[in-house]
Amino acid sequence: MDRPTVARVDLSALKSNYSLIVEHLATEGAEGAPGVIAVVKGTVWTRAGQVALALEEAGAASTGLRGHRRRARAARAGLRADI
């Protein structure tokens, strides 16, 4: 039996958490701190796209999206980070 599922994503909290992770990595190993690749998993483009764009706004230079259609849509929606 299928039941409706609702996912609420707080994009502000997501961006804040991303920034905290980047700051933590920078303080742990100031020289040569690892970069962060924001990998977005979503079955609905709208949600995955909103998350990818929010992470880019937070400073993600690279975003992992599964599937060439999602990557093409992301580029058309304005995602400038490496995909």
N, C-alpha and C. Protein backbone atom coordinates (compact mmCIF):
# COMPACT_ATOMS: atom_id res chain seq x y z
N MET A 1 0.84 -1.17 0.00
CA MET A 1 0.00 0.00 0.00
C MET A 1 0.90 1.25 0.00
N ASP A 2 0.73 2.09 -0.99
CA ASP A 2 1.50 3.34 -1.06
C ASP A 2 0.83 4.40 -0.21
N ARG A 3 1.68 5.16 0.49
CA ARG A 3 1.18 6.28 1.28
C ARG A 3 1.85 7.54 0.78
N PRO A 4 1.14 8.65 0.78
CA PRO A 4 1.78 9.90 0.37
C PRO A 4 2.93 10.25 1.32
N THR A 5 3.99 10.74 0.75
CA THR A 5 5.16 11.14 1.54
C THR A 5 5.43 12.61 1.31
N VAL A 6 5.74 13.30 2.38
CA VAL A 6 6.04 14.72 2.29
C VAL A 6 7.44 14.93 2.84
N ALA A 7 8.26 15.65 2.09
CA ALA A 7 9.60 15.99 2.57
C ALA A 7 9.70 17.51 2.62
N ARG A 8 10.05 18.01 3.76
CA ARG A 8 10.25 19.45 3.91
C ARG A 8 11.74 19.70 4.08
N VAL A 9 12.29 20.51 3.20
CA VAL A 9 13.72 20.80 3.25
C VAL A 9 13.88 22.28 3.59
N ASP A 10 14.58 22.53 4.68
CA ASP A 10 14.87 23.90 5.09
C ASP A 10 16.15 24.34 4.39
N LEU A 11 16.01 25.10 3.30
CA LEU A 11 17.16 25.49 2.50
C LEU A 11 18.11 26.39 3.28
N SER A 12 17.59 27.22 4.17
CA SER A 12 18.45 28.06 5.01
C SER A 12 19.32 27.20 5.92
N ALA A 13 18.74 26.21 6.54
CA ALA A 13 19.50 25.31 7.41
C ALA A 13 20.52 24.52 6.60
N LEU A 14 20.14 24.11 5.41
CA LEU A 14 21.05 23.37 4.54
C LEU A 14 22.28 24.22 4.20
N LYS A 15 22.05 25.47 3.83
CA LYS A 15 23.16 26.37 3.50
C LYS A 15 24.04 26.63 4.72
N SER A 16 23.40 26.82 5.86
CA SER A 16 24.14 27.06 7.10
C SER A 16 25.01 25.85 7.46
N ASN A 17 24.44 24.66 7.35
CA ASN A 17 25.18 23.43 7.66
C ASN A 17 26.36 23.25 6.70
N TYR A 18 26.14 23.55 5.42
CA TYR A 18 27.22 23.45 4.45
C TYR A 18 28.36 24.39 4.85
N SER A 19 28.03 25.63 5.20
CA SER A 19 29.05 26.61 5.59
C SER A 19 29.81 26.15 6.83
N LEU A 20 29.11 25.57 7.78
CA LEU A 20 29.77 25.07 9.00
C LEU A 20 30.75 23.94 8.68
N ILE A 21 30.37 23.06 7.77
CA ILE A 21 31.26 21.96 7.38
C ILE A 21 32.53 22.51 6.72
N VAL A 22 32.36 23.47 5.81
CA VAL A 22 33.50 24.07 5.13
C VAL A 22 34.42 24.77 6.13
N GLU A 23 33.83 25.52 7.06
CA GLU A 23 34.63 26.20 8.08
C GLU A 23 35.40 25.20 8.94
N HIS A 24 34.74 24.13 9.32
CA HIS A 24 35.38 23.11 10.15
C HIS A 24 36.56 22.49 9.41
N LEU A 25 36.38 22.15 8.15
CA LEU A 25 37.47 21.56 7.38
C LEU A 25 38.64 22.52 7.24
N ALA A 26 38.34 23.80 7.09
CA ALA A 26 39.40 24.80 6.94
C ALA A 26 40.22 24.94 8.22
N THR A 27 39.59 24.81 9.37
CA THR A 27 40.32 24.96 10.63
C THR A 27 41.08 23.69 10.99
N GLU A 28 40.62 22.55 10.52
CA GLU A 28 41.29 21.29 10.82
C GLU A 28 42.62 21.16 10.09
N GLY A 29 42.68 21.59 8.87
CA GLY A 29 43.91 21.47 8.08
C GLY A 29 44.03 22.68 7.20
N ALA A 30 44.42 23.79 7.79
CA ALA A 30 44.44 25.07 7.07
C ALA A 30 45.08 24.96 5.70
N GLU A 31 46.19 24.25 5.60
CA GLU A 31 46.84 24.12 4.31
C GLU A 31 46.38 22.82 3.66
N GLY A 32 45.86 22.94 2.49
CA GLY A 32 45.41 21.76 1.76
C GLY A 32 44.12 21.16 2.29
N ALA A 33 43.25 22.01 2.85
CA ALA A 33 41.96 21.51 3.34
C ALA A 33 41.19 20.89 2.17
N PRO A 34 40.54 19.77 2.39
CA PRO A 34 39.81 19.13 1.30
C PRO A 34 38.62 19.99 0.88
N GLY A 35 38.28 19.89 -0.39
CA GLY A 35 37.10 20.58 -0.88
C GLY A 35 35.86 19.76 -0.57
N VAL A 36 34.72 20.35 -0.78
CA VAL A 36 33.45 19.67 -0.54
C VAL A 36 32.69 19.59 -1.85
N ILE A 37 32.29 18.40 -2.22
CA ILE A 37 31.43 18.21 -3.39
C ILE A 37 30.03 17.95 -2.86
N ALA A 38 29.10 18.79 -3.23
CA ALA A 38 27.72 18.65 -2.77
C ALA A 38 27.00 17.66 -3.69
N VAL A 39 26.77 16.46 -3.19
CA VAL A 39 26.08 15.43 -3.97
C VAL A 39 24.61 15.46 -3.61
N VAL A 40 23.79 15.64 -4.62
CA VAL A 40 22.35 15.79 -4.39
C VAL A 40 21.64 14.58 -4.96
N LYS A 41 20.88 13.90 -4.12
CA LYS A 41 20.09 12.75 -4.55
C LYS A 41 18.63 13.12 -4.42
N GLY A 42 17.92 13.02 -5.48
CA GLY A 42 16.50 13.32 -5.44
C GLY A 42 15.81 12.69 -6.62
N THR A 43 14.59 12.26 -6.42
CA THR A 43 13.85 11.66 -7.52
C THR A 43 12.99 12.68 -8.24
N VAL A 44 12.81 13.81 -7.63
CA VAL A 44 12.02 14.87 -8.24
C VAL A 44 12.95 16.03 -8.54
N TRP A 45 13.02 16.45 -9.80
CA TRP A 45 13.95 17.51 -10.17
C TRP A 45 13.74 18.76 -9.34
N THR A 46 12.52 19.15 -9.10
CA THR A 46 12.27 20.41 -8.39
C THR A 46 13.01 20.43 -7.06
N ARG A 47 12.90 19.38 -6.29
CA ARG A 47 13.56 19.33 -4.98
C ARG A 47 15.07 19.27 -5.14
N ALA A 48 15.56 18.39 -6.00
CA ALA A 48 17.01 18.27 -6.20
C ALA A 48 17.58 19.58 -6.74
N GLY A 49 16.86 20.22 -7.63
CA GLY A 49 17.32 21.47 -8.21
C GLY A 49 17.38 22.59 -7.18
N GLN A 50 16.37 22.67 -6.33
CA GLN A 50 16.37 23.70 -5.28
C GLN A 50 17.53 23.49 -4.33
N VAL A 51 17.80 22.24 -3.99
CA VAL A 51 18.90 21.93 -3.08
C VAL A 51 20.24 22.26 -3.74
N ALA A 52 20.41 21.86 -5.00
CA ALA A 52 21.67 22.14 -5.71
C ALA A 52 21.91 23.64 -5.81
N LEU A 53 20.89 24.40 -6.15
CA LEU A 53 21.04 25.85 -6.26
C LEU A 53 21.35 26.49 -4.91
N ALA A 54 20.71 26.00 -3.84
CA ALA A 54 20.97 26.53 -2.50
C ALA A 54 22.41 26.26 -2.08
N LEU A 55 22.91 25.06 -2.38
CA LEU A 55 24.28 24.73 -2.03
C LEU A 55 25.27 25.57 -2.83
N GLU A 56 24.93 25.84 -4.07
CA GLU A 56 25.79 26.72 -4.86
C GLU A 56 25.82 28.12 -4.24
N GLU A 57 24.66 28.62 -3.82
CA GLU A 57 24.60 29.93 -3.16
C GLU A 57 25.47 29.94 -1.89
N ALA A 58 25.56 28.79 -1.23
CA ALA A 58 26.35 28.70 0.00
C ALA A 58 27.84 28.59 -0.30
N GLY A 59 28.19 28.40 -1.57
CA GLY A 59 29.59 28.37 -1.94
C GLY A 59 30.10 27.08 -2.55
N ALA A 60 29.23 26.12 -2.78
CA ALA A 60 29.67 24.86 -3.38
C ALA A 60 30.18 25.12 -4.80
N ALA A 61 31.40 24.72 -5.05
CA ALA A 61 31.99 24.91 -6.38
C ALA A 61 31.68 23.73 -7.29
N SER A 62 31.24 22.63 -6.70
CA SER A 62 30.97 21.43 -7.47
C SER A 62 29.74 20.74 -6.89
N THR A 63 28.87 20.30 -7.77
CA THR A 63 27.64 19.64 -7.35
C THR A 63 27.49 18.35 -8.12
N GLY A 64 27.21 17.27 -7.43
CA GLY A 64 26.99 15.99 -8.08
C GLY A 64 25.51 15.72 -8.22
N LEU A 65 25.06 15.59 -9.45
CA LEU A 65 23.68 15.23 -9.73
C LEU A 65 23.69 13.98 -10.59
N ARG A 66 22.81 13.05 -10.30
CA ARG A 66 22.77 11.79 -11.03
C ARG A 66 21.94 11.95 -12.30
N GLY A 67 22.48 11.52 -13.40
CA GLY A 67 21.74 11.47 -14.64
C GLY A 67 21.96 12.70 -15.52
N HIS A 68 22.13 12.44 -16.81
CA HIS A 68 22.40 13.55 -17.73
C HIS A 68 21.21 14.49 -17.86
N ARG A 69 20.00 14.00 -17.71
CA ARG A 69 18.83 14.89 -17.81
C ARG A 69 18.79 15.89 -16.66
N ARG A 70 19.08 15.40 -15.44
CA ARG A 70 19.11 16.30 -14.28
C ARG A 70 20.22 17.33 -14.43
N ARG A 71 21.38 16.90 -14.92
CA ARG A 71 22.49 17.83 -15.09
C ARG A 71 22.14 18.89 -16.14
N ALA A 72 21.50 18.48 -17.23
CA ALA A 72 21.11 19.44 -18.27
C ALA A 72 20.07 20.41 -17.71
N ARG A 73 19.12 19.91 -16.96
CA ARG A 73 18.11 20.78 -16.35
C ARG A 73 18.73 21.76 -15.38
N ALA A 74 19.71 21.28 -14.62
CA ALA A 74 20.39 22.14 -13.65
C ALA A 74 21.08 23.29 -14.37
N ALA A 75 21.73 22.99 -15.45
CA ALA A 75 22.42 24.04 -16.21
C ALA A 75 21.41 25.04 -16.77
N ARG A 76 20.29 24.56 -17.28
CA ARG A 76 19.26 25.46 -17.80
C ARG A 76 18.63 26.31 -16.70
N ALA A 77 18.58 25.77 -15.48
CA ALA A 77 17.98 26.50 -14.35
C ALA A 77 18.93 27.52 -13.77
N GLY A 78 20.17 27.53 -14.24
CA GLY A 78 21.10 28.55 -13.78
C GLY A 78 22.21 28.06 -12.88
N LEU A 79 22.30 26.76 -12.64
CA LEU A 79 23.38 26.23 -11.81
C LEU A 79 24.71 26.47 -12.51
N ARG A 80 25.60 27.16 -11.86
CA ARG A 80 26.89 27.49 -12.46
C ARG A 80 28.02 26.62 -11.92
N ALA A 81 27.80 25.94 -10.81
CA ALA A 81 28.83 25.07 -10.24
C ALA A 81 29.13 23.93 -11.21
N ASP A 82 30.34 23.38 -11.11
CA ASP A 82 30.66 22.21 -11.91
C ASP A 82 29.65 21.12 -11.58
N ILE A 83 29.18 20.46 -12.60
CA ILE A 83 28.18 19.41 -12.40
C ILE A 83 28.79 18.07 -12.77
